[in-house]
Amino acid sequence: MNIDEIKKQFKNEWVLIEITKADQSGNLLEGNVIAHSISRDETYSEMKKTVARNIAHFYTGEIPKKGYAVAF
């Protein structure tokens, strides 16, 4: 699945993927979704269970601008 499609389908969620394609700079291009959740802890739990070696974990929502704080 293309990274833009993942971000669109799982908007404002934490996503754990197995990387299937990256460019020469290491930027993610494609991956298979292993887990997704609004709870980061749930995706961390899945990360501990995964046997995939080439994974990425990221948030698909907007990162707060400098000067703002977020509480989970």
PDB file of N, CA and C in Angstrom:
ATOM      1  N   MET A   1       0.856  -1.170   0.000  1.00  0.00           N
ATOM      2  CA  MET A   1       0.000   0.000   0.000  1.00  0.00           C
ATOM      3  C   MET A   1       0.906   1.239   0.000  1.00  0.00           C
ATOM      4  N   ASN A   2       0.594   2.177  -0.807  1.00  0.00           N
ATOM      5  CA  ASN A   2       1.318   3.443  -0.911  1.00  0.00           C
ATOM      6  C   ASN A   2       1.171   4.230   0.407  1.00  0.00           C
ATOM      7  N   ILE A   3       2.229   4.924   0.831  1.00  0.00           N
ATOM      8  CA  ILE A   3       2.219   5.654   2.109  1.00  0.00           C
ATOM      9  C   ILE A   3       1.113   6.711   2.146  1.00  0.00           C
ATOM     10  N   ASP A   4       0.876   7.407   1.035  1.00  0.00           N
ATOM     11  CA  ASP A   4      -0.209   8.402   1.004  1.00  0.00           C
ATOM     12  C   ASP A   4      -1.569   7.749   1.216  1.00  0.00           C
ATOM     13  N   GLU A   5      -1.763   6.554   0.652  1.00  0.00           N
ATOM     14  CA  GLU A   5      -3.023   5.829   0.851  1.00  0.00           C
ATOM     15  C   GLU A   5      -3.188   5.418   2.320  1.00  0.00           C
ATOM     16  N   ILE A   6      -2.091   4.981   2.934  1.00  0.00           N
ATOM     17  CA  ILE A   6      -2.127   4.596   4.349  1.00  0.00           C
ATOM     18  C   ILE A   6      -2.516   5.799   5.197  1.00  0.00           C
ATOM     19  N   LYS A   7      -1.888   6.942   4.934  1.00  0.00           N
ATOM     20  CA  LYS A   7      -2.199   8.153   5.711  1.00  0.00           C
ATOM     21  C   LYS A   7      -3.644   8.580   5.528  1.00  0.00           C
ATOM     22  N   LYS A   8      -4.176   8.400   4.334  1.00  0.00           N
ATOM     23  CA  LYS A   8      -5.567   8.781   4.067  1.00  0.00           C
ATOM     24  C   LYS A   8      -6.543   7.799   4.719  1.00  0.00           C
ATOM     25  N   GLN A   9      -6.282   6.505   4.595  1.00  0.00           N
ATOM     26  CA  GLN A   9      -7.187   5.493   5.139  1.00  0.00           C
ATOM     27  C   GLN A   9      -7.188   5.465   6.665  1.00  0.00           C
ATOM     28  N   PHE A  10      -6.032   5.722   7.275  1.00  0.00           N
ATOM     29  CA  PHE A  10      -5.908   5.647   8.734  1.00  0.00           C
ATOM     30  C   PHE A  10      -5.605   7.024   9.312  1.00  0.00           C
ATOM     31  N   LYS A  11      -6.347   8.016   8.881  1.00  0.00           N
ATOM     32  CA  LYS A  11      -6.133   9.400   9.295  1.00  0.00           C
ATOM     33  C   LYS A  11      -6.243   9.550  10.817  1.00  0.00           C
ATOM     34  N   ASN A  12      -5.292  10.303  11.386  1.00  0.00           N
ATOM     35  CA  ASN A  12      -5.241  10.582  12.822  1.00  0.00           C
ATOM     36  C   ASN A  12      -5.107   9.320  13.676  1.00  0.00           C
ATOM     37  N   GLU A  13      -4.346   8.341  13.163  1.00  0.00           N
ATOM     38  CA  GLU A  13      -4.091   7.106  13.889  1.00  0.00           C
ATOM     39  C   GLU A  13      -2.599   6.811  13.893  1.00  0.00           C
ATOM     40  N   TRP A  14      -2.191   5.966  14.834  1.00  0.00           N
ATOM     41  CA  TRP A  14      -0.847   5.413  14.858  1.00  0.00           C
ATOM     42  C   TRP A  14      -0.856   4.201  13.946  1.00  0.00           C
ATOM     43  N   VAL A  15       0.188   4.064  13.141  1.00  0.00           N
ATOM     44  CA  VAL A  15       0.252   2.977  12.172  1.00  0.00           C
ATOM     45  C   VAL A  15       1.599   2.266  12.302  1.00  0.00           C
ATOM     46  N   LEU A  16       1.551   0.956  12.286  1.00  0.00           N
ATOM     47  CA  LEU A  16       2.743   0.118  12.260  1.00  0.00           C
ATOM     48  C   LEU A  16       2.737  -0.612  10.933  1.00  0.00           C
ATOM     49  N   ILE A  17       3.800  -0.436  10.152  1.00  0.00           N
ATOM     50  CA  ILE A  17       3.848  -1.089   8.843  1.00  0.00           C
ATOM     51  C   ILE A  17       5.149  -1.866   8.660  1.00  0.00           C
ATOM     52  N   GLU A  18       5.066  -2.855   7.794  1.00  0.00           N
ATOM     53  CA  GLU A  18       6.260  -3.520   7.292  1.00  0.00           C
ATOM     54  C   GLU A  18       6.617  -2.787   6.006  1.00  0.00           C
ATOM     55  N   ILE A  19       7.810  -2.239   5.945  1.00  0.00           N
ATOM     56  CA  ILE A  19       8.236  -1.454   4.780  1.00  0.00           C
ATOM     57  C   ILE A  19       8.516  -2.393   3.614  1.00  0.00           C
ATOM     58  N   THR A  20       7.867  -2.134   2.482  1.00  0.00           N
ATOM     59  CA  THR A  20       8.110  -2.945   1.291  1.00  0.00           C
ATOM     60  C   THR A  20       8.875  -2.172   0.225  1.00  0.00           C
ATOM     61  N   LYS A  21       8.873  -0.835   0.343  1.00  0.00           N
ATOM     62  CA  LYS A  21       9.598  -0.040  -0.649  1.00  0.00           C
ATOM     63  C   LYS A  21       9.975   1.311  -0.042  1.00  0.00           C
ATOM     64  N   ALA A  22      11.240   1.689  -0.237  1.00  0.00           N
ATOM     65  CA  ALA A  22      11.741   2.988   0.209  1.00  0.00           C
ATOM     66  C   ALA A  22      12.663   3.528  -0.882  1.00  0.00           C
ATOM     67  N   ASP A  23      12.841   4.848  -0.910  1.00  0.00           N
ATOM     68  CA  ASP A  23      13.747   5.413  -1.906  1.00  0.00           C
ATOM     69  C   ASP A  23      15.190   5.356  -1.382  1.00  0.00           C
ATOM     70  N   GLN A  24      16.133   5.841  -2.173  1.00  0.00           N
ATOM     71  CA  GLN A  24      17.549   5.771  -1.807  1.00  0.00           C
ATOM     72  C   GLN A  24      17.873   6.569  -0.545  1.00  0.00           C
ATOM     73  N   SER A  25      17.051   7.567  -0.233  1.00  0.00           N
ATOM     74  CA  SER A  25      17.252   8.372   0.976  1.00  0.00           C
ATOM     75  C   SER A  25      16.616   7.748   2.214  1.00  0.00           C
ATOM     76  N   GLY A  26      15.904   6.649   2.029  1.00  0.00           N
ATOM     77  CA  GLY A  26      15.251   5.976   3.141  1.00  0.00           C
ATOM     78  C   GLY A  26      13.829   6.441   3.405  1.00  0.00           C
ATOM     79  N   ASN A  27      13.293   7.307   2.532  1.00  0.00           N
ATOM     80  CA  ASN A  27      11.908   7.766   2.680  1.00  0.00           C
ATOM     81  C   ASN A  27      10.955   6.629   2.332  1.00  0.00           C
ATOM     82  N   LEU A  28       9.946   6.437   3.177  1.00  0.00           N
ATOM     83  CA  LEU A  28       8.975   5.365   2.959  1.00  0.00           C
ATOM     84  C   LEU A  28       8.134   5.636   1.721  1.00  0.00           C
ATOM     85  N   LEU A  29       7.952   4.611   0.907  1.00  0.00           N
ATOM     86  CA  LEU A  29       7.106   4.728  -0.279  1.00  0.00           C
ATOM     87  C   LEU A  29       5.909   3.789  -0.206  1.00  0.00           C
ATOM     88  N   GLU A  30       6.137   2.550   0.246  1.00  0.00           N
ATOM     89  CA  GLU A  30       5.064   1.560   0.324  1.00  0.00           C
ATOM     90  C   GLU A  30       5.282   0.646   1.517  1.00  0.00           C
ATOM     91  N   GLY A  31       4.179   0.072   2.006  1.00  0.00           N
ATOM     92  CA  GLY A  31       4.277  -0.866   3.116  1.00  0.00           C
ATOM     93  C   GLY A  31       2.992  -1.628   3.333  1.00  0.00           C
ATOM     94  N   ASN A  32       3.093  -2.686   4.109  1.00  0.00           N
ATOM     95  CA  ASN A  32       1.932  -3.487   4.498  1.00  0.00           C
ATOM     96  C   ASN A  32       1.569  -3.126   5.936  1.00  0.00           C
ATOM     97  N   VAL A  33       0.332  -2.757   6.170  1.00  0.00           N
ATOM     98  CA  VAL A  33      -0.114  -2.366   7.502  1.00  0.00           C
ATOM     99  C   VAL A  33      -0.190  -3.602   8.391  1.00  0.00           C
ATOM    100  N   ILE A  34       0.524  -3.535   9.509  1.00  0.00           N
ATOM    101  CA  ILE A  34       0.511  -4.606  10.505  1.00  0.00           C
ATOM    102  C   ILE A  34      -0.544  -4.289  11.560  1.00  0.00           C
ATOM    103  N   ALA A  35      -0.594  -3.017  11.997  1.00  0.00           N
ATOM    104  CA  ALA A  35      -1.561  -2.598  13.019  1.00  0.00           C
ATOM    105  C   ALA A  35      -1.809  -1.103  12.890  1.00  0.00           C
ATOM    106  N   HIS A  36      -2.982  -0.685  13.342  1.00  0.00           N
ATOM    107  CA  HIS A  36      -3.327   0.740  13.382  1.00  0.00           C
ATOM    108  C   HIS A  36      -4.305   0.960  14.521  1.00  0.00           C
ATOM    109  N   SER A  37      -4.208   2.136  15.142  1.00  0.00           N
ATOM    110  CA  SER A  37      -5.076   2.436  16.276  1.00  0.00           C
ATOM    111  C   SER A  37      -4.941   3.909  16.631  1.00  0.00           C
ATOM    112  N   ILE A  38      -5.970   4.449  17.288  1.00  0.00           N
ATOM    113  CA  ILE A  38      -5.841   5.804  17.822  1.00  0.00           C
ATOM    114  C   ILE A  38      -4.977   5.778  19.084  1.00  0.00           C
ATOM    115  N   SER A  39      -4.789   4.582  19.644  1.00  0.00           N
ATOM    116  CA  SER A  39      -3.964   4.411  20.843  1.00  0.00           C
ATOM    117  C   SER A  39      -2.555   3.966  20.457  1.00  0.00           C
ATOM    118  N   ARG A  40      -1.575   4.779  20.781  1.00  0.00           N
ATOM    119  CA  ARG A  40      -0.186   4.432  20.486  1.00  0.00           C
ATOM    120  C   ARG A  40       0.212   3.154  21.213  1.00  0.00           C
ATOM    121  N   ASP A  41      -0.282   2.957  22.432  1.00  0.00           N
ATOM    122  CA  ASP A  41       0.065   1.767  23.209  1.00  0.00           C
ATOM    123  C   ASP A  41      -0.347   0.476  22.505  1.00  0.00           C
ATOM    124  N   GLU A  42      -1.483   0.503  21.819  1.00  0.00           N
ATOM    125  CA  GLU A  42      -1.938  -0.691  21.104  1.00  0.00           C
ATOM    126  C   GLU A  42      -0.985  -1.056  19.971  1.00  0.00           C
ATOM    127  N   THR A  43      -0.503  -0.043  19.266  1.00  0.00           N
ATOM    128  CA  THR A  43       0.438  -0.339  18.172  1.00  0.00           C
ATOM    129  C   THR A  43       1.799  -0.742  18.731  1.00  0.00           C
ATOM    130  N   TYR A  44       2.180  -0.202  19.891  1.00  0.00           N
ATOM    131  CA  TYR A  44       3.422  -0.644  20.546  1.00  0.00           C
ATOM    132  C   TYR A  44       3.317  -2.120  20.928  1.00  0.00           C
ATOM    133  N   SER A  45       2.176  -2.525  21.432  1.00  0.00           N
ATOM    134  CA  SER A  45       1.977  -3.935  21.797  1.00  0.00           C
ATOM    135  C   SER A  45       2.144  -4.837  20.586  1.00  0.00           C
ATOM    136  N   GLU A  46       1.593  -4.423  19.466  1.00  0.00           N
ATOM    137  CA  GLU A  46       1.734  -5.200  18.230  1.00  0.00           C
ATOM    138  C   GLU A  46       3.175  -5.200  17.743  1.00  0.00           C
ATOM    139  N   MET A  47       3.881  -4.097  17.967  1.00  0.00           N
ATOM    140  CA  MET A  47       5.275  -4.012  17.551  1.00  0.00           C
ATOM    141  C   MET A  47       6.106  -5.075  18.279  1.00  0.00           C
ATOM    142  N   LYS A  48       5.806  -5.295  19.548  1.00  0.00           N
ATOM    143  CA  LYS A  48       6.543  -6.292  20.333  1.00  0.00           C
ATOM    144  C   LYS A  48       6.314  -7.704  19.812  1.00  0.00           C
ATOM    145  N   LYS A  49       5.148  -7.940  19.217  1.00  0.00           N
ATOM    146  CA  LYS A  49       4.791  -9.266  18.720  1.00  0.00           C
ATOM    147  C   LYS A  49       5.269  -9.539  17.297  1.00  0.00           C
ATOM    148  N   THR A  50       5.572  -8.497  16.556  1.00  0.00           N
ATOM    149  CA  THR A  50       5.864  -8.664  15.138  1.00  0.00           C
ATOM    150  C   THR A  50       7.218  -9.315  14.898  1.00  0.00           C
ATOM    151  N   VAL A  51       7.278 -10.115  13.857  1.00  0.00           N
ATOM    152  CA  VAL A  51       8.529 -10.754  13.456  1.00  0.00           C
ATOM    153  C   VAL A  51       9.130 -10.056  12.236  1.00  0.00           C
ATOM    154  N   ALA A  52       8.412  -9.085  11.705  1.00  0.00           N
ATOM    155  CA  ALA A  52       8.922  -8.331  10.552  1.00  0.00           C
ATOM    156  C   ALA A  52      10.181  -7.579  10.977  1.00  0.00           C
ATOM    157  N   ARG A  53      11.161  -7.541  10.120  1.00  0.00           N
ATOM    158  CA  ARG A  53      12.430  -6.907  10.459  1.00  0.00           C
ATOM    159  C   ARG A  53      12.500  -5.455  10.003  1.00  0.00           C
ATOM    160  N   ASN A  54      11.817  -5.120   8.971  1.00  0.00           N
ATOM    161  CA  ASN A  54      11.901  -3.780   8.397  1.00  0.00           C
ATOM    162  C   ASN A  54      10.563  -3.078   8.616  1.00  0.00           C
ATOM    163  N   ILE A  55      10.423  -2.408   9.776  1.00  0.00           N
ATOM    164  CA  ILE A  55       9.141  -1.805  10.131  1.00  0.00           C
ATOM    165  C   ILE A  55       9.273  -0.299  10.339  1.00  0.00           C
ATOM    166  N   ALA A  56       8.126   0.354  10.306  1.00  0.00           N
ATOM    167  CA  ALA A  56       8.042   1.781  10.609  1.00  0.00           C
ATOM    168  C   ALA A  56       6.802   1.996  11.471  1.00  0.00           C
ATOM    169  N   HIS A  57       6.882   2.972  12.351  1.00  0.00           N
ATOM    170  CA  HIS A  57       5.781   3.305  13.254  1.00  0.00           C
ATOM    171  C   HIS A  57       5.622   4.815  13.211  1.00  0.00           C
ATOM    172  N   PHE A  58       4.425   5.292  12.878  1.00  0.00           N
ATOM    173  CA  PHE A  58       4.241   6.735  12.752  1.00  0.00           C
ATOM    174  C   PHE A  58       2.786   7.128  12.979  1.00  0.00           C
ATOM    175  N   TYR A  59       2.594   8.416  13.237  1.00  0.00           N
ATOM    176  CA  TYR A  59       1.271   9.002  13.434  1.00  0.00           C
ATOM    177  C   TYR A  59       0.869   9.698  12.144  1.00  0.00           C
ATOM    178  N   THR A  60      -0.360   9.475  11.703  1.00  0.00           N
ATOM    179  CA  THR A  60      -0.802  10.034  10.429  1.00  0.00           C
ATOM    180  C   THR A  60      -1.499  11.379  10.560  1.00  0.00           C
ATOM    181  N   GLY A  61      -1.688  11.833  11.786  1.00  0.00           N
ATOM    182  CA  GLY A  61      -2.356  13.109  12.004  1.00  0.00           C
ATOM    183  C   GLY A  61      -1.395  14.281  11.915  1.00  0.00           C
ATOM    184  N   GLU A  62      -1.929  15.446  12.197  1.00  0.00           N
ATOM    185  CA  GLU A  62      -1.145  16.669  12.152  1.00  0.00           C
ATOM    186  C   GLU A  62      -0.309  16.801  13.418  1.00  0.00           C
ATOM    187  N   ILE A  63       0.950  17.142  13.259  1.00  0.00           N
ATOM    188  CA  ILE A  63       1.843  17.366  14.384  1.00  0.00           C
ATOM    189  C   ILE A  63       1.589  18.784  14.896  1.00  0.00           C
ATOM    190  N   PRO A  64       1.421  18.957  16.208  1.00  0.00           N
ATOM    191  CA  PRO A  64       1.167  20.306  16.739  1.00  0.00           C
ATOM    192  C   PRO A  64       2.315  21.276  16.396  1.00  0.00           C
ATOM    193  N   LYS A  65       1.951  22.521  16.141  1.00  0.00           N
ATOM    194  CA  LYS A  65       2.945  23.536  15.823  1.00  0.00           C
ATOM    195  C   LYS A  65       3.727  23.914  17.066  1.00  0.00           C
ATOM    196  N   LYS A  66       4.902  24.462  16.847  1.00  0.00           N
ATOM    197  CA  LYS A  66       5.777  24.864  17.943  1.00  0.00           C
ATOM    198  C   LYS A  66       5.027  25.825  18.873  1.00  0.00           C
ATOM    199  N   GLY A  67       5.157  25.577  20.168  1.00  0.00           N
ATOM    200  CA  GLY A  67       4.473  26.414  21.149  1.00  0.00           C
ATOM    201  C   GLY A  67       3.178  25.812  21.666  1.00  0.00           C
ATOM    202  N   TYR A  68       2.710  24.708  21.040  1.00  0.00           N
ATOM    203  CA  TYR A  68       1.501  24.034  21.482  1.00  0.00           C
ATOM    204  C   TYR A  68       1.871  22.744  22.197  1.00  0.00           C
ATOM    205  N   ALA A  69       1.019  22.324  23.105  1.00  0.00           N
ATOM    206  CA  ALA A  69       1.252  21.081  23.830  1.00  0.00           C
ATOM    207  C   ALA A  69       0.059  20.151  23.632  1.00  0.00           C
ATOM    208  N   VAL A  70       0.333  18.853  23.703  1.00  0.00           N
ATOM    209  CA  VAL A  70      -0.702  17.844  23.557  1.00  0.00           C
ATOM    210  C   VAL A  70      -0.599  16.892  24.729  1.00  0.00           C
ATOM    211  N   ALA A  71      -1.720  16.516  25.297  1.00  0.00           N
ATOM    212  CA  ALA A  71      -1.739  15.544  26.388  1.00  0.00           C
ATOM    213  C   ALA A  71      -2.533  14.331  25.933  1.00  0.00           C
ATOM    214  N   PHE A  72      -1.987  13.153  26.177  1.00  0.00           N
ATOM    215  CA  PHE A  72      -2.674  11.911  25.805  1.00  0.00           C
ATOM    216  C   PHE A  72      -3.148  11.207  27.043  1.00  0.00           C
TER     217      PHE A  72
END
